[in-house]
Structures are given as C-alpha cells and as structure tokens.
C-alpha cells in the first residue's frame, strides 16, 4: 500500500515588529481591511511603494496578516491586494496596544463589504491630504465603533453607528467633529436611513454623507429634509458629496450639497456666540 505524501504547512518567517509594523496592524484594526497602496500611504509614506509592499509581505509571511484580492487594479495591470488581521495579528495588538484580541475582527471581510471598507480609507486619505495642504489641522480619525463606545459610557449604547468621526480644525477655528457616513446604496428610508440620521442628529455634530452618484444624493436629501425640520436645524447640518469626485478632486475641491440642494464649500462661519458652524 502506497503511503500518501504528508503535506507540510509552510513555515512562518519570524519577524520583529517595528513601530510602523504595529501602526499598520492598528490601521487594519480600525478599518477592517485596507489595500496595499492605502497601507503604504498610511504607514510607509517615507519609503517607495515597492519597499512598502515587501514589508507588508513580510508581515503576512510572519502570520500577522492575511490577504485577498481587493477587486481593484493597480499599476502594471496587476490586481491589488487587501490585507486583514489574523489571530496572531490581533494578539500582537493586545501585547503592544492593550486591545483585547478577542474583540478584534480577524479573517477576510465579506465580499459585499470590501469596497465599502476601502472607500472609507480613501476618504481618510483625502482628509490627510487636506491636512498636508494646510486646509485643516489637528486631524484625528476615529472609527464608528470606537466613537459610539465612548459616547455610550454615560448613556445606553446605540446600534446606529457612523462609519467614522473626524476631528479637525479649520485655520483660526475651534476643534470640530463631523460624523462620516458612506452610503451603500442599499439603505431603505424607514428601516435604515431615518433611524440612522436621527441617532446622528442627537450628537449635535455635522454629518457628511458620501454617495455613489448625484442621483442618489437627491433621494437621500428628500429623506433627510423632514428629519432636520423636526429638530429645527438648518440644511447645512447634513451635507452630501459623490465618492469619485472626492477621490479625483479632494474633500474641499468637490461639490457638496446641503440637504435643501444648495451648495457649500464646507468652510465654517462664525455664529453670534463666536462658535463655528458649517456653512
């Protein structure tokens, strides 16, 4: 009887984690899945992309991350990878950052969610570019689950979470916070959208909504207007822009619509109390 050959698992390569490696693991924790080019810009911006890709491969070979196709293409016609955390990566975060590894999502994201996660990172990178151009300063990015966890310490937790909370300053203004929501195109008015926006409005923060196209903006504006009217807040409390335009022109170079259909450049104006309000 011929014995079947034993398949040996490939041996993981040892790797001493450097600070930027740990920072990359933190980004995967915050965003769930990040493409190779996005990770390179977030964590390895001072080295070449090819060198960054090699370091990302080392993290994967050491077992801290896994990878899958992103569905996007990068230069030279090659498919781009997305990276996600493994259990070993989650335990490394617990060791280095004190984040309980059991609370860290691991493994590949559902196919349906991949593009949503990547778009969220693209918006963050657009804000990072705005800070580099000195359009804003003191930029901080908090994912939805972290923000709502903080908010619910003194009140019951809510299931309605924004994709992110962005904190920053315009030149000469106080620090402001904005809730960011990326529309999937599948929200239903009464089941999804209205409960979500009502929860956001209770925070008092402005709301930025990123959609797939201008037609979708018209629909969401129609759903949102009565909610703002019920609370007596202006149409600038919730504004809308198209994802592709933000990627091409940046956050502050894109066309933003208030809920009433008028345009805004997102610049703040001073109220009578001296506090800033979004135009």
Protein backbone atom coordinates (compact mmCIF):
# COMPACT_ATOMS: atom_id res chain seq x y z
CA UNK A 1 0.00 0.00 0.00
CA UNK A 2 1.45 3.32 -1.05
CA UNK A 3 1.55 5.93 1.67
CA UNK A 4 0.07 9.31 0.85
CA UNK A 5 2.59 12.14 0.94
CA UNK A 6 2.30 14.34 4.01
CA UNK A 7 1.63 17.98 3.20
CA UNK A 8 3.69 20.23 5.40
CA UNK A 9 2.44 23.68 6.28
CA UNK A 10 4.79 26.41 5.11
CA UNK A 11 6.97 27.59 7.97
CA UNK A 12 6.23 31.12 9.09
CA UNK A 13 9.11 33.53 8.92
CA UNK A 14 9.98 35.23 12.19
CA UNK A 15 9.69 38.99 12.29
CA UNK A 16 10.49 41.54 14.97
CA UNK A 17 7.68 44.09 14.86
CA UNK A 18 8.81 47.67 14.42
CA UNK A 19 6.68 50.68 15.40
CA UNK A 20 5.44 51.20 11.84
CA UNK A 21 4.50 47.49 11.65
CA UNK A 22 2.40 47.88 14.79
CA UNK A 23 0.89 51.04 13.32
CA UNK A 24 -0.09 49.03 10.21
CA UNK A 25 -1.80 46.44 12.43
CA UNK A 26 -3.66 49.27 14.18
CA UNK A 27 -4.93 50.54 10.83
CA UNK A 28 -6.21 47.08 9.95
CA UNK A 29 -8.00 47.00 13.31
CA UNK A 30 -9.57 50.41 12.68
CA UNK A 31 -10.58 49.79 9.08
CA UNK A 32 -11.06 46.00 9.00
CA UNK A 33 -9.48 45.74 5.52
CA UNK A 34 -7.00 48.03 3.76
CA UNK A 35 -5.44 47.76 0.31
CA UNK A 36 -1.68 47.53 -0.13
CA UNK A 37 -1.43 51.00 -1.67
CA UNK A 38 -3.57 52.50 1.11
CA UNK A 39 -1.45 50.88 3.82
CA UNK A 40 1.68 52.13 2.11
CA UNK A 41 0.35 55.72 2.19
CA UNK A 42 -0.87 55.46 5.78
CA UNK A 43 2.17 53.77 7.32
CA UNK A 44 5.12 53.79 4.91
CA UNK A 45 4.85 57.13 3.13
CA UNK A 46 8.56 57.90 3.54
CA UNK A 47 9.71 54.89 1.51
CA UNK A 48 8.98 53.65 -2.01
CA UNK A 49 5.82 51.70 -2.70
CA UNK A 50 7.79 48.61 -3.74
CA UNK A 51 9.72 48.66 -0.47
CA UNK A 52 6.46 49.09 1.44
CA UNK A 53 4.93 46.13 -0.40
CA UNK A 54 7.89 43.96 0.61
CA UNK A 55 7.39 44.91 4.26
CA UNK A 56 3.67 44.13 4.03
CA UNK A 57 4.51 40.73 2.56
CA UNK A 58 6.87 40.12 5.49
CA UNK A 59 4.03 40.85 7.92
CA UNK A 60 1.90 38.32 6.08
CA UNK A 61 4.65 35.70 5.90
CA UNK A 62 5.12 36.08 9.66
CA UNK A 63 1.42 35.31 10.13
CA UNK A 64 0.24 38.67 11.47
CA UNK A 65 -1.93 39.45 8.44
CA UNK A 66 -3.74 37.67 5.64
CA UNK A 67 -4.51 38.92 2.14
CA UNK A 68 -7.09 38.58 -0.62
CA UNK A 69 -7.89 40.27 -3.90
CA UNK A 70 -9.36 43.74 -3.49
CA UNK A 71 -11.19 43.69 -6.80
CA UNK A 72 -9.20 46.78 -7.79
CA UNK A 73 -6.27 47.02 -10.19
CA UNK A 74 -3.01 48.82 -9.54
CA UNK A 75 -0.17 49.84 -11.83
CA UNK A 76 1.22 47.43 -14.43
CA UNK A 77 -2.15 45.73 -14.68
CA UNK A 78 -1.73 43.62 -11.57
CA UNK A 79 -4.61 43.07 -9.14
CA UNK A 80 -4.25 44.88 -5.84
CA UNK A 81 -4.40 43.01 -2.54
CA UNK A 82 -6.28 43.87 0.60
CA UNK A 83 -4.84 42.97 3.97
CA UNK A 84 -6.69 41.93 7.13
CA UNK A 85 -5.70 40.79 10.61
CA UNK A 86 -5.17 37.19 11.68
CA UNK A 87 -5.49 35.90 15.24
CA UNK A 88 -1.71 36.33 15.59
CA UNK A 89 -2.06 39.96 14.49
CA UNK A 90 -4.88 40.51 16.98
CA UNK A 91 -2.75 39.06 19.78
CA UNK A 92 0.13 41.31 18.75
CA UNK A 93 -2.20 44.30 19.16
CA UNK A 94 -3.16 43.09 22.61
CA UNK A 95 0.51 42.81 23.56
CA UNK A 96 1.61 46.16 22.12
CA UNK A 97 -1.56 48.29 22.42
CA UNK A 98 -3.63 46.64 25.14
CA UNK A 99 -6.56 45.87 22.81
CA UNK A 100 -8.25 42.62 23.83
CA UNK A 101 -7.54 40.27 20.94
CA UNK A 102 -10.94 38.62 21.30
CA UNK A 103 -12.65 41.91 20.33
CA UNK A 104 -10.57 42.34 17.16
CA UNK A 105 -12.23 41.21 13.88
CA UNK A 106 -9.97 38.78 12.04
CA UNK A 107 -10.05 36.95 8.73
CA UNK A 108 -11.16 38.18 5.31
CA UNK A 109 -14.13 40.56 5.16
CA UNK A 110 -17.30 39.54 3.37
CA UNK A 111 -17.08 40.25 -0.37
CA UNK A 112 -20.06 42.59 -0.08
CA UNK A 113 -18.22 44.78 2.44
CA UNK A 114 -14.77 45.03 0.85
CA UNK A 115 -15.37 48.07 -1.35
CA UNK A 116 -17.16 49.87 1.47
CA UNK A 117 -14.11 49.46 3.74
CA UNK A 118 -11.74 50.61 1.00
CA UNK A 119 -13.80 53.71 0.26
CA UNK A 120 -13.70 54.67 3.91
CA UNK A 121 -9.90 54.55 3.83
CA UNK A 122 -9.89 56.65 0.63
CA UNK A 123 -11.89 59.36 2.41
CA UNK A 124 -9.45 59.28 5.31
CA UNK A 125 -6.53 59.67 2.89
CA UNK A 126 -8.31 62.61 1.26
CA UNK A 127 -8.55 64.29 4.67
CA UNK A 128 -4.87 63.52 5.29
CA UNK A 129 -4.03 65.28 2.02
CA UNK A 130 -6.13 68.27 3.09
CA UNK A 131 -4.11 68.47 6.30
CA UNK A 132 -0.84 68.23 4.34
CA UNK A 133 -2.09 71.15 2.22
CA UNK A 134 -2.81 73.09 5.45
CA UNK A 135 -6.52 73.34 4.69
CA UNK A 136 -7.15 71.77 8.10
CA UNK A 137 -5.04 70.86 11.12
CA UNK A 138 -5.13 68.62 14.21
CA UNK A 139 -6.76 65.86 12.20
CA UNK A 140 -7.97 62.82 14.14
CA UNK A 141 -9.85 59.85 12.71
CA UNK A 142 -11.98 57.61 14.90
CA UNK A 143 -13.90 54.66 13.53
CA UNK A 144 -17.56 54.41 14.32
CA UNK A 145 -17.42 51.65 16.91
CA UNK A 146 -14.79 53.50 18.96
CA UNK A 147 -16.70 56.78 18.92
CA UNK A 148 -20.04 55.28 19.88
CA UNK A 149 -18.41 53.21 22.61
CA UNK A 150 -17.09 56.44 24.15
CA UNK A 151 -20.43 58.15 23.71
CA UNK A 152 -22.37 55.31 25.35
CA UNK A 153 -20.32 55.27 28.57
CA UNK A 154 -22.84 57.65 30.16
CA UNK A 155 -25.88 56.56 28.16
CA UNK A 156 -27.34 53.38 26.61
CA UNK A 157 -25.42 52.11 23.58
CA UNK A 158 -26.95 52.61 20.18
CA UNK A 159 -26.78 50.31 17.19
CA UNK A 160 -26.70 53.25 14.79
CA UNK A 161 -23.03 53.91 14.14
CA UNK A 162 -21.41 56.33 11.73
CA UNK A 163 -18.56 54.92 9.68
CA UNK A 164 -16.17 57.39 11.29
CA UNK A 165 -15.90 60.55 13.35
CA UNK A 166 -13.45 63.14 12.06
CA UNK A 167 -11.99 65.79 14.38
CA UNK A 168 -10.06 68.75 12.94
CA UNK A 169 -9.60 72.50 12.92
CA UNK A 170 -10.02 74.94 10.10
CA UNK A 171 -7.42 77.75 10.22
CA UNK A 172 -8.34 80.02 13.10
CA UNK A 173 -11.28 78.00 14.39
CA UNK A 174 -12.09 75.74 17.31
CA UNK A 175 -11.86 71.97 17.01
CA UNK A 176 -14.93 70.48 15.35
CA UNK A 177 -16.23 66.93 14.98
CA UNK A 178 -18.03 65.56 11.94
CA UNK A 179 -19.83 62.24 11.54
CA UNK A 180 -18.99 60.48 8.27
CA UNK A 181 -21.35 58.03 6.59
CA UNK A 182 -20.65 56.21 3.32
CA UNK A 183 -23.90 55.27 1.63
CA UNK A 184 -24.00 51.68 0.38
CA UNK A 185 -26.89 52.37 -1.97
CA UNK A 186 -29.00 49.78 -0.16
CA UNK A 187 -30.38 51.85 2.70
CA UNK A 188 -34.16 51.88 2.93
CA UNK A 189 -35.86 55.04 4.08
CA UNK A 190 -37.78 53.96 7.20
CA UNK A 191 -35.85 50.80 8.07
CA UNK A 192 -32.30 52.13 7.79
CA UNK A 193 -31.89 55.79 6.91
CA UNK A 194 -34.28 57.58 9.24
CA UNK A 195 -33.16 55.76 12.45
CA UNK A 196 -29.53 56.29 11.49
CA UNK A 197 -29.81 60.03 10.85
CA UNK A 198 -31.96 60.60 13.95
CA UNK A 199 -29.26 58.96 16.07
CA UNK A 200 -26.57 61.07 14.41
CA UNK A 201 -28.51 64.29 14.92
CA UNK A 202 -28.74 63.62 18.66
CA UNK A 203 -24.97 64.10 18.90
CA UNK A 204 -25.26 67.65 17.57
CA UNK A 205 -22.36 67.10 15.16
CA UNK A 206 -22.49 67.92 11.42
CA UNK A 207 -22.98 64.92 9.12
CA UNK A 208 -21.07 64.24 5.89
CA UNK A 209 -22.63 61.65 3.59
CA UNK A 210 -20.64 60.14 0.70
CA UNK A 211 -22.70 58.56 -2.09
CA UNK A 212 -22.09 56.73 -5.35
CA UNK A 213 -23.73 59.28 -7.64
CA UNK A 214 -25.67 62.55 -7.77
CA UNK A 215 -28.98 60.78 -8.33
CA UNK A 216 -28.61 59.01 -5.01
CA UNK A 217 -27.93 62.36 -3.34
CA UNK A 218 -31.32 63.63 -4.49
CA UNK A 219 -33.02 60.65 -2.88
CA UNK A 220 -31.18 60.95 0.43
CA UNK A 221 -31.78 64.69 0.60
CA UNK A 222 -35.52 64.06 0.25
CA UNK A 223 -35.42 61.53 3.08
CA UNK A 224 -33.29 63.74 5.33
CA UNK A 225 -35.07 67.11 4.99
CA UNK A 226 -38.07 66.26 7.24
CA UNK A 227 -35.73 64.98 9.97
CA UNK A 228 -33.85 68.28 10.06
CA UNK A 229 -37.12 70.24 10.05
CA UNK A 230 -38.43 68.21 13.01
CA UNK A 231 -35.42 69.29 15.07
CA UNK A 232 -35.36 72.83 13.75
CA UNK A 233 -31.80 72.63 12.40
CA UNK A 234 -30.57 74.11 9.14
CA UNK A 235 -29.86 72.27 5.88
CA UNK A 236 -26.11 72.56 6.43
CA UNK A 237 -26.25 70.09 9.30
CA UNK A 238 -26.20 67.22 6.78
CA UNK A 239 -24.28 67.56 3.50
CA UNK A 240 -23.64 65.20 0.58
CA UNK A 241 -20.90 64.56 -1.99
CA UNK A 242 -20.01 61.90 -4.58
CA UNK A 243 -17.19 59.46 -3.79
CA UNK A 244 -15.47 59.50 -7.21
CA UNK A 245 -15.30 63.30 -7.19
CA UNK A 246 -13.68 63.33 -3.76
CA UNK A 247 -11.06 60.83 -4.92
CA UNK A 248 -10.35 62.98 -8.01
CA UNK A 249 -10.62 66.48 -6.53
CA UNK A 250 -10.17 66.09 -2.80
CA UNK A 251 -12.51 66.84 0.09
CA UNK A 252 -12.54 70.61 -0.36
CA UNK A 253 -12.35 70.61 -4.15
CA UNK A 254 -15.54 68.61 -4.57
CA UNK A 255 -19.15 69.74 -4.89
CA UNK A 256 -21.06 69.39 -1.62
CA UNK A 257 -24.84 69.72 -1.37
CA UNK A 258 -26.76 70.82 1.68
CA UNK A 259 -29.98 68.97 2.39
CA UNK A 260 -32.00 71.71 0.63
CA UNK A 261 -29.95 71.31 -2.56
CA UNK A 262 -27.84 74.45 -2.16
CA UNK A 263 -24.07 74.20 -2.47
CA UNK A 264 -21.43 74.54 0.24
CA UNK A 265 -17.64 74.57 0.24
CA UNK A 266 -17.62 73.17 3.82
CA UNK A 267 -15.95 76.33 5.10
CA UNK A 268 -17.13 77.31 8.59
CA UNK A 269 -18.77 80.56 9.51
CA UNK A 270 -18.83 82.21 12.93
CA UNK A 271 -22.11 82.37 14.82
CA UNK A 272 -23.09 85.20 17.14
CA UNK A 273 -21.68 83.18 20.04
CA UNK A 274 -18.27 83.02 18.39
CA UNK A 275 -18.53 79.29 17.75
CA UNK A 276 -18.02 77.84 14.31
CA UNK A 277 -20.85 76.44 12.23
CA UNK A 278 -20.63 74.59 8.94
CA UNK A 279 -21.86 76.68 6.03
